Amino acid sequence: MSTPVHRTIVLTLSRDDLWTLHHVLLERIEAELTATDASTVEPPPLAIYQAFETLEDGETRFTSTQLEAIVDTLRHDPDCPPWCFDCARLAEVGHAITRTIEGHSPTLGHAAADD
């Protein structure tokens, strides 16, 4: 059996959009810590932590699994979070990431492609 190949994709987002994404990931990671009842918040997947670390390192190359986790995080928060000063930007970041995923391969629409 061969070792799985983890494809990486570079996100080409503006600095402001990358900052917005950084903030979304940080909020997702800290949600469990800041919740009144931590048992009501599902811990983020490992891919969210990895994506956050990537941004912290100043990089914009992500695995498709990380990008899928980011999109899932954005989809599961349909309401504009209270910290977000520009909800339209938040929506556009999600759309841009989805377009990036779709533009690289039809099989990258599913996280299983990298597993």
Foldseek 3Di string as FASTA:
>chain_A
DDDFDFDKFFQDDDPVLLVVLLVLLVCLQCVLVPDPHSVVRDHQDPLSVVCNVCVVVVGRIGTLLSLLSSLVSLVVCVDDDPVDPDVVSSVVSSVSSVCRQVVPDVVSVDSVNRD
